Amino acid sequence: MDLTPHQKQEIKESRAAKFETRRVTSAALEEILYNPIPVLDHGFVRVIDYMGDDAAIVQAARVSYGKGTKKVSDDAGLINYLLRHRHTTPFEMCEIKYHVKVPIFIARQWIRHRTANVNEYSARYSVLDREFYIPSADQLAMQSKQNHQGRGEVLEGEEAQHVLDLLKEDATRNYDHYIEMLNEDPDGNIIDEERGGLARELARMNLTLNAYTQWYWKIDLHNLLHFLSLRADAHAQYEIRVYADAMLDTVKRWVPIAHKAFLQYRVGGVTLSAAALETVKKMLAGKQVSQEASKMSNREWRELMETLGIE
């Protein structure tokens, strides 16, 4: 994780500042507010601001449902009920803003989640840093033979080293050419006064996708939990999953009751189709059910058996 001197000073000043407020705050989240959480080799996630807490979810729900919530005696029970029955609006009352430093190829995957407000570092305005994501050896895997968008066995020996060498060489060479075309160093100083240099908005096309970008990313809790349910999942790509894992820890600090409910009903729970539910009912009744008779696809059947722990 690399921070610029300006960013380090900004964090120092932000954490030194004290404000009186009547707003609800989260003591656990305040402990890490502004501090970067290292991710990958040069990346990070840090919480910049937030609004609301578990009580805000409950308050919003009780405004909406009125007397009906009196059947649920405590906040945890109500939040569990809301998440279990997919009553999502109360979770939208909480918002959080992150500063994220991430490789460009992961940023392009991340931005597909169109439910956040994003402001990204401008490579038209500034020169990008000389930083690239280089995977650790245990993440260099060949293409999966079963999954068209997943990884298989890890590369080893000379082939793994060759891949690492290519990644480093290509990233370094392309960045050197990027600087040469710009005719300015990362601080904006002219290198050769006799050359004009290419515009930043054009020179950036030469950078490799493992170069790092940064953005501010603001999202409400409902959509954040949806993002995490997909990206913190074991099937997600490793490079985005580690960011999701870091963010999941901030959610635990921020809204611990909602976090616990999320683990219970989303991360640890499963959704069954009508055919899968009928199959489970027959199994519980002691009946033998085949994949053909279940009217489930091979893949859905395999996933159900894995969920039930049946070989």
C-alpha atoms as a PDB file:
ATOM      1  CA  MET A   1       0.000   0.000   0.000  1.00  0.00           C
ATOM      2  CA  ASP A   2       1.460   3.339  -1.098  1.00  0.00           C
ATOM      3  CA  LEU A   3       0.108   6.729  -0.062  1.00  0.00           C
ATOM      4  CA  THR A   4       1.310  10.028  -1.476  1.00  0.00           C
ATOM      5  CA  PRO A   5       2.757  12.592   0.969  1.00  0.00           C
ATOM      6  CA  HIS A   6      -0.353  14.706   0.356  1.00  0.00           C
ATOM      7  CA  GLN A   7      -2.641  11.793   1.254  1.00  0.00           C
ATOM      8  CA  LYS A   8      -0.657  11.020   4.399  1.00  0.00           C
ATOM      9  CA  GLN A   9      -0.927  14.649   5.509  1.00  0.00           C
ATOM     10  CA  GLU A  10      -4.642  14.704   4.713  1.00  0.00           C
ATOM     11  CA  ILE A  11      -5.231  11.588   6.838  1.00  0.00           C
ATOM     12  CA  LYS A  12      -3.172  13.017   9.704  1.00  0.00           C
ATOM     13  CA  GLU A  13      -5.134  16.270   9.693  1.00  0.00           C
ATOM     14  CA  SER A  14      -8.501  14.545   9.322  1.00  0.00           C
ATOM     15  CA  ARG A  15      -7.858  12.184  12.246  1.00  0.00           C
ATOM     16  CA  ALA A  16      -6.584  15.031  14.411  1.00  0.00           C
ATOM     17  CA  ALA A  17      -9.745  17.097  13.919  1.00  0.00           C
ATOM     18  CA  LYS A  18     -12.503  16.848  16.543  1.00  0.00           C
ATOM     19  CA  PHE A  19     -16.105  17.930  16.067  1.00  0.00           C
ATOM     20  CA  GLU A  20     -19.120  18.085  18.322  1.00  0.00           C
ATOM     21  CA  THR A  21     -22.218  16.559  16.768  1.00  0.00           C
ATOM     22  CA  ARG A  22     -25.743  15.487  17.620  1.00  0.00           C
ATOM     23  CA  ARG A  23     -25.581  12.868  14.889  1.00  0.00           C
ATOM     24  CA  VAL A  24     -25.293   9.199  15.765  1.00  0.00           C
ATOM     25  CA  THR A  25     -21.766   7.851  15.338  1.00  0.00           C
ATOM     26  CA  SER A  26     -20.239   4.380  15.452  1.00  0.00           C
ATOM     27  CA  ALA A  27     -17.378   4.157  17.955  1.00  0.00           C
ATOM     28  CA  ALA A  28     -15.839   1.111  16.270  1.00  0.00           C
ATOM     29  CA  LEU A  29     -15.921   2.736  12.829  1.00  0.00           C
ATOM     30  CA  GLU A  30     -14.601   6.014  14.214  1.00  0.00           C
ATOM     31  CA  GLU A  31     -11.489   4.103  15.327  1.00  0.00           C
ATOM     32  CA  ILE A  32     -10.490   3.447  11.705  1.00  0.00           C
ATOM     33  CA  LEU A  33     -12.085   6.485  10.034  1.00  0.00           C
ATOM     34  CA  TYR A  34      -9.786   7.869   7.295  1.00  0.00           C
ATOM     35  CA  ASN A  35      -7.142   5.183   7.919  1.00  0.00           C
ATOM     36  CA  PRO A  36      -6.260   3.044   4.862  1.00  0.00           C
ATOM     37  CA  ILE A  37      -6.816  -0.712   4.998  1.00  0.00           C
ATOM     38  CA  PRO A  38      -4.123  -2.352   2.804  1.00  0.00           C
ATOM     39  CA  VAL A  39      -5.396  -4.477  -0.098  1.00  0.00           C
ATOM     40  CA  LEU A  40      -3.238  -6.278  -2.699  1.00  0.00           C
ATOM     41  CA  ASP A  41       0.287  -4.900  -3.225  1.00  0.00           C
ATOM     42  CA  HIS A  42      -0.412  -1.164  -3.604  1.00  0.00           C
ATOM     43  CA  GLY A  43      -4.160  -0.836  -3.059  1.00  0.00           C
ATOM     44  CA  PHE A  44      -6.272   0.218  -0.112  1.00  0.00           C
ATOM     45  CA  VAL A  45      -9.786   0.935   1.136  1.00  0.00           C
ATOM     46  CA  ARG A  46     -10.556   3.648   3.665  1.00  0.00           C
ATOM     47  CA  VAL A  47     -13.810   4.969   5.087  1.00  0.00           C
ATOM     48  CA  ILE A  48     -14.165   8.715   4.498  1.00  0.00           C
ATOM     49  CA  ASP A  49     -17.659   9.376   5.853  1.00  0.00           C
ATOM     50  CA  TYR A  50     -20.859   7.599   6.871  1.00  0.00           C
ATOM     51  CA  MET A  51     -24.421   8.282   7.974  1.00  0.00           C
ATOM     52  CA  GLY A  52     -26.687   6.212  10.203  1.00  0.00           C
ATOM     53  CA  ASP A  53     -26.286   3.023  12.205  1.00  0.00           C
ATOM     54  CA  ASP A  54     -28.342  -0.014  13.234  1.00  0.00           C
ATOM     55  CA  ALA A  55     -30.741   2.261  15.107  1.00  0.00           C
ATOM     56  CA  ALA A  56     -31.360   4.277  11.922  1.00  0.00           C
ATOM     57  CA  ILE A  57     -32.506   1.108  10.155  1.00  0.00           C
ATOM     58  CA  VAL A  58     -34.894   0.324  12.992  1.00  0.00           C
ATOM     59  CA  GLN A  59     -36.174   3.887  13.184  1.00  0.00           C
ATOM     60  CA  ALA A  60     -36.911   3.973   9.443  1.00  0.00           C
ATOM     61  CA  ALA A  61     -38.680   0.617   9.623  1.00  0.00           C
ATOM     62  CA  ARG A  62     -40.910   1.659  12.491  1.00  0.00           C
ATOM     63  CA  VAL A  63     -41.932   4.836  10.686  1.00  0.00           C
ATOM     64  CA  SER A  64     -42.897   2.657   7.733  1.00  0.00           C
ATOM     65  CA  TYR A  65     -44.580  -0.252   9.482  1.00  0.00           C
ATOM     66  CA  GLY A  66     -45.929   1.495  12.586  1.00  0.00           C
ATOM     67  CA  LYS A  67     -47.699  -0.699  15.118  1.00  0.00           C
ATOM     68  CA  GLY A  68     -46.873  -3.835  13.190  1.00  0.00           C
ATOM     69  CA  THR A  69     -43.312  -3.744  14.445  1.00  0.00           C
ATOM     70  CA  LYS A  70     -44.439  -4.112  18.061  1.00  0.00           C
ATOM     71  CA  LYS A  71     -44.585  -7.834  17.397  1.00  0.00           C
ATOM     72  CA  VAL A  72     -40.803  -7.753  17.116  1.00  0.00           C
ATOM     73  CA  SER A  73     -39.469  -7.007  20.581  1.00  0.00           C
ATOM     74  CA  ASP A  74     -35.928  -5.890  19.865  1.00  0.00           C
ATOM     75  CA  ASP A  75     -33.802  -4.161  17.234  1.00  0.00           C
ATOM     76  CA  ALA A  76     -31.935  -7.332  16.250  1.00  0.00           C
ATOM     77  CA  GLY A  77     -35.189  -9.187  15.724  1.00  0.00           C
ATOM     78  CA  LEU A  78     -36.559  -6.422  13.539  1.00  0.00           C
ATOM     79  CA  ILE A  79     -33.386  -6.169  11.435  1.00  0.00           C
ATOM     80  CA  ASN A  80     -33.377  -9.955  11.027  1.00  0.00           C
ATOM     81  CA  TYR A  81     -37.015  -9.793   9.929  1.00  0.00           C
ATOM     82  CA  LEU A  82     -36.328  -7.022   7.430  1.00  0.00           C
ATOM     83  CA  LEU A  83     -33.383  -8.800   5.846  1.00  0.00           C
ATOM     84  CA  ARG A  84     -35.069 -12.196   5.880  1.00  0.00           C
ATOM     85  CA  HIS A  85     -38.142 -10.853   4.085  1.00  0.00           C
ATOM     86  CA  ARG A  86     -36.176  -8.541   1.776  1.00  0.00           C
ATOM     87  CA  HIS A  87     -37.658  -5.295   3.083  1.00  0.00           C
ATOM     88  CA  THR A  88     -34.760  -3.251   1.800  1.00  0.00           C
ATOM     89  CA  THR A  89     -35.818   0.395   2.082  1.00  0.00           C
ATOM     90  CA  PRO A  90     -34.820   0.863   5.769  1.00  0.00           C
ATOM     91  CA  PHE A  91     -31.266  -0.227   4.891  1.00  0.00           C
ATOM     92  CA  GLU A  92     -31.096   2.512   2.266  1.00  0.00           C
ATOM     93  CA  MET A  93     -31.263   5.099   5.073  1.00  0.00           C
ATOM     94  CA  CYS A  94     -27.631   4.357   5.949  1.00  0.00           C
ATOM     95  CA  GLU A  95     -24.836   5.516   3.642  1.00  0.00           C
ATOM     96  CA  ILE A  96     -21.062   5.174   3.597  1.00  0.00           C
ATOM     97  CA  LYS A  97     -18.295   6.720   1.498  1.00  0.00           C
ATOM     98  CA  TYR A  98     -15.020   4.971   0.683  1.00  0.00           C
ATOM     99  CA  HIS A  99     -11.742   6.051  -0.870  1.00  0.00           C
ATOM    100  CA  VAL A 100     -10.469   3.107  -2.911  1.00  0.00           C
ATOM    101  CA  LYS A 101      -7.201   2.500  -4.730  1.00  0.00           C
ATOM    102  CA  VAL A 102      -7.645  -0.396  -7.145  1.00  0.00           C
ATOM    103  CA  PRO A 103      -6.104  -1.880 -10.339  1.00  0.00           C
ATOM    104  CA  ILE A 104      -7.861  -0.626 -13.466  1.00  0.00           C
ATOM    105  CA  PHE A 105      -8.945  -4.097 -14.607  1.00  0.00           C
ATOM    106  CA  ILE A 106     -10.724  -4.611 -11.273  1.00  0.00           C
ATOM    107  CA  ALA A 107     -12.181  -1.095 -11.368  1.00  0.00           C
ATOM    108  CA  ARG A 108     -13.822  -1.931 -14.707  1.00  0.00           C
ATOM    109  CA  GLN A 109     -15.451  -4.986 -13.096  1.00  0.00           C
ATOM    110  CA  TRP A 110     -16.396  -2.999  -9.983  1.00  0.00           C
ATOM    111  CA  ILE A 111     -18.064  -0.165 -11.919  1.00  0.00           C
ATOM    112  CA  ARG A 112     -20.663  -2.601 -13.268  1.00  0.00           C
ATOM    113  CA  HIS A 113     -22.417  -2.106  -9.926  1.00  0.00           C
ATOM    114  CA  ARG A 114     -24.328   0.991 -10.965  1.00  0.00           C
ATOM    115  CA  THR A 115     -25.926   1.767  -7.596  1.00  0.00           C
ATOM    116  CA  ALA A 116     -23.168   3.976  -6.152  1.00  0.00           C
ATOM    117  CA  ASN A 117     -21.958   7.533  -6.655  1.00  0.00           C
ATOM    118  CA  VAL A 118     -18.423   7.493  -8.051  1.00  0.00           C
ATOM    119  CA  ASN A 119     -15.787  10.147  -8.645  1.00  0.00           C
ATOM    120  CA  GLU A 120     -12.591   8.726 -10.166  1.00  0.00           C
ATOM    121  CA  TYR A 121      -9.054  10.090 -10.373  1.00  0.00           C
ATOM    122  CA  SER A 122      -8.701  11.904 -13.691  1.00  0.00           C
ATOM    123  CA  ALA A 123      -5.897  10.718 -15.957  1.00  0.00           C
ATOM    124  CA  ARG A 124      -6.847  13.582 -18.293  1.00  0.00           C
ATOM    125  CA  TYR A 125      -5.891  16.054 -15.577  1.00  0.00           C
ATOM    126  CA  SER A 126      -3.073  14.288 -13.700  1.00  0.00           C
ATOM    127  CA  VAL A 127      -0.254  11.848 -14.389  1.00  0.00           C
ATOM    128  CA  LEU A 128      -0.866   8.356 -13.017  1.00  0.00           C
ATOM    129  CA  ASP A 129       1.599   6.912 -10.515  1.00  0.00           C
ATOM    130  CA  ARG A 130       4.179   4.286 -11.434  1.00  0.00           C
ATOM    131  CA  GLU A 131       2.386   1.472  -9.614  1.00  0.00           C
ATOM    132  CA  PHE A 132       1.137  -1.826 -10.968  1.00  0.00           C
ATOM    133  CA  TYR A 133      -0.553  -4.851  -9.500  1.00  0.00           C
ATOM    134  CA  ILE A 134       1.719  -7.878  -9.751  1.00  0.00           C
ATOM    135  CA  PRO A 135       0.035 -11.047  -8.443  1.00  0.00           C
ATOM    136  CA  SER A 136       1.730 -13.224  -5.868  1.00  0.00           C
ATOM    137  CA  ALA A 137       2.892 -16.598  -7.169  1.00  0.00           C
ATOM    138  CA  ASP A 138      -0.018 -18.460  -5.539  1.00  0.00           C
ATOM    139  CA  GLN A 139      -2.508 -16.386  -7.581  1.00  0.00           C
ATOM    140  CA  LEU A 140      -1.017 -17.270 -10.973  1.00  0.00           C
ATOM    141  CA  ALA A 141      -3.476 -19.894 -12.122  1.00  0.00           C
ATOM    142  CA  MET A 142      -4.420 -21.351 -15.486  1.00  0.00           C
ATOM    143  CA  GLN A 143      -7.927 -21.152 -16.932  1.00  0.00           C
ATOM    144  CA  SER A 144     -10.463 -23.427 -15.249  1.00  0.00           C
ATOM    145  CA  LYS A 145     -11.613 -26.330 -17.390  1.00  0.00           C
ATOM    146  CA  GLN A 146     -15.081 -26.280 -15.809  1.00  0.00           C
ATOM    147  CA  ASN A 147     -15.677 -22.530 -15.442  1.00  0.00           C
ATOM    148  CA  HIS A 148     -15.278 -20.214 -18.429  1.00  0.00           C
ATOM    149  CA  GLN A 149     -14.645 -17.220 -16.154  1.00  0.00           C
ATOM    150  CA  GLY A 150     -12.701 -18.830 -13.338  1.00  0.00           C
ATOM    151  CA  ARG A 151      -9.254 -20.119 -12.404  1.00  0.00           C
ATOM    152  CA  GLY A 152      -7.923 -23.619 -12.307  1.00  0.00           C
ATOM    153  CA  GLU A 153      -4.673 -25.072 -11.051  1.00  0.00           C
ATOM    154  CA  VAL A 154      -1.803 -22.786 -10.045  1.00  0.00           C
ATOM    155  CA  LEU A 155       1.101 -22.342 -12.447  1.00  0.00           C
ATOM    156  CA  GLU A 156       4.444 -23.533 -11.153  1.00  0.00           C
ATOM    157  CA  GLY A 157       8.168 -23.319 -11.771  1.00  0.00           C
ATOM    158  CA  GLU A 158       9.572 -21.685 -14.882  1.00  0.00           C
ATOM    159  CA  GLU A 159       6.173 -20.970 -16.430  1.00  0.00           C
ATOM    160  CA  ALA A 160       5.017 -19.040 -13.347  1.00  0.00           C
ATOM    161  CA  GLN A 161       8.246 -17.050 -13.240  1.00  0.00           C
ATOM    162  CA  HIS A 162       7.983 -16.299 -16.951  1.00  0.00           C
ATOM    163  CA  VAL A 163       4.466 -14.925 -16.483  1.00  0.00           C
ATOM    164  CA  LEU A 164       5.615 -12.728 -13.601  1.00  0.00           C
ATOM    165  CA  ASP A 165       8.528 -11.435 -15.679  1.00  0.00           C
ATOM    166  CA  LEU A 166       6.204 -10.581 -18.586  1.00  0.00           C
ATOM    167  CA  LEU A 167       3.746  -8.739 -16.327  1.00  0.00           C
ATOM    168  CA  LYS A 168       6.514  -6.664 -14.766  1.00  0.00           C
ATOM    169  CA  GLU A 169       8.304  -5.981 -18.061  1.00  0.00           C
ATOM    170  CA  ASP A 170       5.162  -4.988 -19.958  1.00  0.00           C
ATOM    171  CA  ALA A 171       3.868  -2.717 -17.197  1.00  0.00           C
ATOM    172  CA  THR A 172       7.246  -1.014 -16.746  1.00  0.00           C
ATOM    173  CA  ARG A 173       7.908  -0.590 -20.478  1.00  0.00           C
ATOM    174  CA  ASN A 174       4.445   0.801 -21.178  1.00  0.00           C
ATOM    175  CA  TYR A 175       4.683   3.236 -18.271  1.00  0.00           C
ATOM    176  CA  ASP A 176       8.107   4.405 -19.478  1.00  0.00           C
ATOM    177  CA  HIS A 177       6.614   5.035 -22.921  1.00  0.00           C
ATOM    178  CA  TYR A 178       3.645   6.796 -21.297  1.00  0.00           C
ATOM    179  CA  ILE A 179       6.025   9.222 -19.562  1.00  0.00           C
ATOM    180  CA  GLU A 180       8.064   9.617 -22.748  1.00  0.00           C
ATOM    181  CA  MET A 181       4.956  10.496 -24.776  1.00  0.00           C
ATOM    182  CA  LEU A 182       3.770  12.947 -22.113  1.00  0.00           C
ATOM    183  CA  ASN A 183       7.204  14.530 -21.926  1.00  0.00           C
ATOM    184  CA  GLU A 184       6.628  15.193 -18.230  1.00  0.00           C
ATOM    185  CA  ASP A 185       7.423  13.372 -15.021  1.00  0.00           C
ATOM    186  CA  PRO A 186       4.783  12.242 -12.474  1.00  0.00           C
ATOM    187  CA  ASP A 187       5.064  15.638 -10.739  1.00  0.00           C
ATOM    188  CA  GLY A 188       4.186  17.470 -13.956  1.00  0.00           C
ATOM    189  CA  ASN A 189       7.695  18.764 -14.705  1.00  0.00           C
ATOM    190  CA  ILE A 190       8.711  19.026 -18.380  1.00  0.00           C
ATOM    191  CA  ILE A 191      11.428  16.533 -19.343  1.00  0.00           C
ATOM    192  CA  ASP A 192      12.554  17.940 -22.703  1.00  0.00           C
ATOM    193  CA  GLU A 193      11.818  21.628 -23.346  1.00  0.00           C
ATOM    194  CA  GLU A 194      12.232  21.110 -27.098  1.00  0.00           C
ATOM    195  CA  ARG A 195       9.327  18.645 -27.340  1.00  0.00           C
ATOM    196  CA  GLY A 196       5.634  19.334 -26.971  1.00  0.00           C
ATOM    197  CA  GLY A 197       4.484  16.022 -25.545  1.00  0.00           C
ATOM    198  CA  LEU A 198       1.252  14.095 -26.118  1.00  0.00           C
ATOM    199  CA  ALA A 199      -1.952  15.079 -24.296  1.00  0.00           C
ATOM    200  CA  ARG A 200      -2.581  13.136 -21.074  1.00  0.00           C
ATOM    201  CA  GLU A 201      -5.979  11.972 -22.288  1.00  0.00           C
ATOM    202  CA  LEU A 202      -4.259  10.239 -25.223  1.00  0.00           C
ATOM    203  CA  ALA A 203      -1.033   9.032 -23.590  1.00  0.00           C
ATOM    204  CA  ARG A 204      -2.971   7.071 -20.956  1.00  0.00           C
ATOM    205  CA  MET A 205      -4.198   4.600 -23.598  1.00  0.00           C
ATOM    206  CA  ASN A 206      -0.749   3.002 -23.511  1.00  0.00           C
ATOM    207  CA  LEU A 207      -0.952   1.979 -19.839  1.00  0.00           C
ATOM    208  CA  THR A 208      -1.530  -1.629 -18.887  1.00  0.00           C
ATOM    209  CA  LEU A 209      -4.713  -2.620 -17.062  1.00  0.00           C
ATOM    210  CA  ASN A 210      -2.801  -3.536 -13.903  1.00  0.00           C
ATOM    211  CA  ALA A 211      -2.003   0.154 -13.322  1.00  0.00           C
ATOM    212  CA  TYR A 212      -3.805   1.605 -10.301  1.00  0.00           C
ATOM    213  CA  THR A 213      -6.619   4.124 -10.285  1.00  0.00           C
ATOM    214  CA  GLN A 214      -8.432   5.724  -7.334  1.00  0.00           C
ATOM    215  CA  TRP A 215     -11.970   6.845  -6.635  1.00  0.00           C
ATOM    216  CA  TYR A 216     -14.439   7.965  -4.020  1.00  0.00           C
ATOM    217  CA  TRP A 217     -17.348   5.522  -3.864  1.00  0.00           C
ATOM    218  CA  LYS A 218     -20.543   6.369  -1.923  1.00  0.00           C
ATOM    219  CA  ILE A 219     -23.334   3.848  -1.518  1.00  0.00           C
ATOM    220  CA  ASP A 220     -26.290   3.043   0.730  1.00  0.00           C
ATOM    221  CA  LEU A 221     -26.222  -0.010   2.979  1.00  0.00           C
ATOM    222  CA  HIS A 222     -28.776  -2.029   0.997  1.00  0.00           C
ATOM    223  CA  ASN A 223     -26.799  -1.779  -2.232  1.00  0.00           C
ATOM    224  CA  LEU A 224     -23.506  -2.242  -0.400  1.00  0.00           C
ATOM    225  CA  LEU A 225     -24.743  -5.538   1.041  1.00  0.00           C
ATOM    226  CA  HIS A 226     -25.806  -6.631  -2.436  1.00  0.00           C
ATOM    227  CA  PHE A 227     -22.339  -5.755  -3.756  1.00  0.00           C
ATOM    228  CA  LEU A 228     -20.703  -7.699  -0.916  1.00  0.00           C
ATOM    229  CA  SER A 229     -22.974 -10.715  -1.382  1.00  0.00           C
ATOM    230  CA  LEU A 230     -21.560 -11.035  -4.901  1.00  0.00           C
ATOM    231  CA  ARG A 231     -17.973  -9.851  -4.493  1.00  0.00           C
ATOM    232  CA  ALA A 232     -17.163 -11.332  -1.068  1.00  0.00           C
ATOM    233  CA  ASP A 233     -18.421 -14.686  -2.315  1.00  0.00           C
ATOM    234  CA  ALA A 234     -15.924 -17.524  -2.747  1.00  0.00           C
ATOM    235  CA  HIS A 235     -16.737 -17.631  -6.477  1.00  0.00           C
ATOM    236  CA  ALA A 236     -15.761 -13.977  -7.035  1.00  0.00           C
ATOM    237  CA  GLN A 237     -12.405 -13.114  -8.575  1.00  0.00           C
ATOM    238  CA  TYR A 238      -9.729 -12.990  -5.895  1.00  0.00           C
ATOM    239  CA  GLU A 239      -8.579  -9.464  -6.716  1.00  0.00           C
ATOM    240  CA  ILE A 240     -12.020  -7.934  -6.108  1.00  0.00           C
ATOM    241  CA  ARG A 241     -12.906 -10.337  -3.296  1.00  0.00           C
ATOM    242  CA  VAL A 242     -10.095  -9.040  -1.074  1.00  0.00           C
ATOM    243  CA  TYR A 243     -11.512  -5.524  -1.411  1.00  0.00           C
ATOM    244  CA  ALA A 244     -14.980  -6.817  -0.534  1.00  0.00           C
ATOM    245  CA  ASP A 245     -13.569  -8.638   2.508  1.00  0.00           C
ATOM    246  CA  ALA A 246     -11.947  -5.424   3.752  1.00  0.00           C
ATOM    247  CA  MET A 247     -15.205  -3.525   3.261  1.00  0.00           C
ATOM    248  CA  LEU A 248     -17.185  -6.250   5.011  1.00  0.00           C
ATOM    249  CA  ASP A 249     -15.059  -5.647   8.100  1.00  0.00           C
ATOM    250  CA  THR A 250     -15.984  -1.947   8.005  1.00  0.00           C
ATOM    251  CA  VAL A 251     -19.663  -2.934   7.840  1.00  0.00           C
ATOM    252  CA  LYS A 252     -19.184  -5.060  10.969  1.00  0.00           C
ATOM    253  CA  ARG A 253     -17.780  -2.025  12.766  1.00  0.00           C
ATOM    254  CA  TRP A 254     -20.480   0.300  11.430  1.00  0.00           C
ATOM    255  CA  VAL A 255     -23.705  -1.727  11.763  1.00  0.00           C
ATOM    256  CA  PRO A 256     -22.869  -4.892  13.756  1.00  0.00           C
ATOM    257  CA  ILE A 257     -26.481  -6.093  14.044  1.00  0.00           C
ATOM    258  CA  ALA A 258     -27.129  -5.716  10.310  1.00  0.00           C
ATOM    259  CA  HIS A 259     -23.761  -7.351   9.606  1.00  0.00           C
ATOM    260  CA  LYS A 260     -24.694 -10.373  11.702  1.00  0.00           C
ATOM    261  CA  ALA A 261     -28.063 -10.648   9.957  1.00  0.00           C
ATOM    262  CA  PHE A 262     -26.334 -10.360   6.578  1.00  0.00           C
ATOM    263  CA  LEU A 263     -24.030 -13.275   7.417  1.00  0.00           C
ATOM    264  CA  GLN A 264     -26.990 -15.314   8.629  1.00  0.00           C
ATOM    265  CA  TYR A 265     -29.454 -14.747   5.788  1.00  0.00           C
ATOM    266  CA  ARG A 266     -27.311 -13.848   2.780  1.00  0.00           C
ATOM    267  CA  VAL A 267     -23.769 -15.161   3.152  1.00  0.00           C
ATOM    268  CA  GLY A 268     -24.698 -18.296   5.081  1.00  0.00           C
ATOM    269  CA  GLY A 269     -28.129 -18.796   3.558  1.00  0.00           C
ATOM    270  CA  VAL A 270     -29.264 -20.125   0.191  1.00  0.00           C
ATOM    271  CA  THR A 271     -32.159 -19.459  -2.166  1.00  0.00           C
ATOM    272  CA  LEU A 272     -33.980 -22.503  -3.498  1.00  0.00           C
ATOM    273  CA  SER A 273     -36.096 -22.765  -6.613  1.00  0.00           C
ATOM    274  CA  ALA A 274     -39.519 -24.345  -6.395  1.00  0.00           C
ATOM    275  CA  ALA A 275     -38.104 -27.564  -7.868  1.00  0.00           C
ATOM    276  CA  ALA A 276     -35.206 -27.608  -5.401  1.00  0.00           C
ATOM    277  CA  LEU A 277     -37.526 -26.980  -2.439  1.00  0.00           C
ATOM    278  CA  GLU A 278     -39.798 -29.823  -3.549  1.00  0.00           C
ATOM    279  CA  THR A 279     -36.767 -32.096  -3.842  1.00  0.00           C
ATOM    280  CA  VAL A 280     -35.661 -31.260  -0.292  1.00  0.00           C
ATOM    281  CA  LYS A 281     -39.178 -31.949   1.014  1.00  0.00           C
ATOM    282  CA  LYS A 282     -39.182 -35.380  -0.642  1.00  0.00           C
ATOM    283  CA  MET A 283     -35.745 -36.160   0.803  1.00  0.00           C
ATOM    284  CA  LEU A 284     -36.901 -35.188   4.286  1.00  0.00           C
ATOM    285  CA  ALA A 285     -39.861 -37.526   3.812  1.00  0.00           C
ATOM    286  CA  GLY A 286     -37.415 -40.357   3.135  1.00  0.00           C
ATOM    287  CA  LYS A 287     -38.064 -40.591  -0.599  1.00  0.00           C
ATOM    288  CA  GLN A 288     -35.387 -41.230  -3.209  1.00  0.00           C
ATOM    289  CA  VAL A 289     -35.127 -38.437  -5.775  1.00  0.00           C
ATOM    290  CA  SER A 290     -33.033 -38.507  -8.949  1.00  0.00           C
ATOM    291  CA  GLN A 291     -31.778 -35.518 -10.893  1.00  0.00           C
ATOM    292  CA  GLU A 292     -33.959 -36.494 -13.855  1.00  0.00           C
ATOM    293  CA  ALA A 293     -37.100 -36.759 -11.745  1.00  0.00           C
ATOM    294  CA  SER A 294     -36.406 -33.461  -9.963  1.00  0.00           C
ATOM    295  CA  LYS A 295     -36.768 -31.463 -13.207  1.00  0.00           C
ATOM    296  CA  MET A 296     -33.630 -29.536 -12.204  1.00  0.00           C
ATOM    297  CA  SER A 297     -30.700 -28.853 -14.521  1.00  0.00           C
ATOM    298  CA  ASN A 298     -27.439 -30.717 -13.966  1.00  0.00           C
ATOM    299  CA  ARG A 299     -25.814 -27.596 -12.589  1.00  0.00           C
ATOM    300  CA  GLU A 300     -28.645 -26.723 -10.196  1.00  0.00           C
ATOM    301  CA  TRP A 301     -28.780 -30.315  -8.988  1.00  0.00           C
ATOM    302  CA  ARG A 302     -25.026 -30.352  -8.382  1.00  0.00           C
ATOM    303  CA  GLU A 303     -25.211 -27.062  -6.476  1.00  0.00           C
ATOM    304  CA  LEU A 304     -28.087 -28.353  -4.317  1.00  0.00           C
ATOM    305  CA  MET A 305     -26.208 -31.541  -3.467  1.00  0.00           C
ATOM    306  CA  GLU A 306     -23.124 -29.511  -2.541  1.00  0.00           C
ATOM    307  CA  THR A 307     -25.251 -27.262  -0.326  1.00  0.00           C
ATOM    308  CA  LEU A 308     -26.799 -30.270   1.412  1.00  0.00           C
ATOM    309  CA  GLY A 309     -23.417 -31.992   1.748  1.00  0.00           C
ATOM    310  CA  ILE A 310     -24.528 -34.992  -0.289  1.00  0.00           C
ATOM    311  CA  GLU A 311     -21.961 -36.642  -2.542  1.00  0.00           C
END
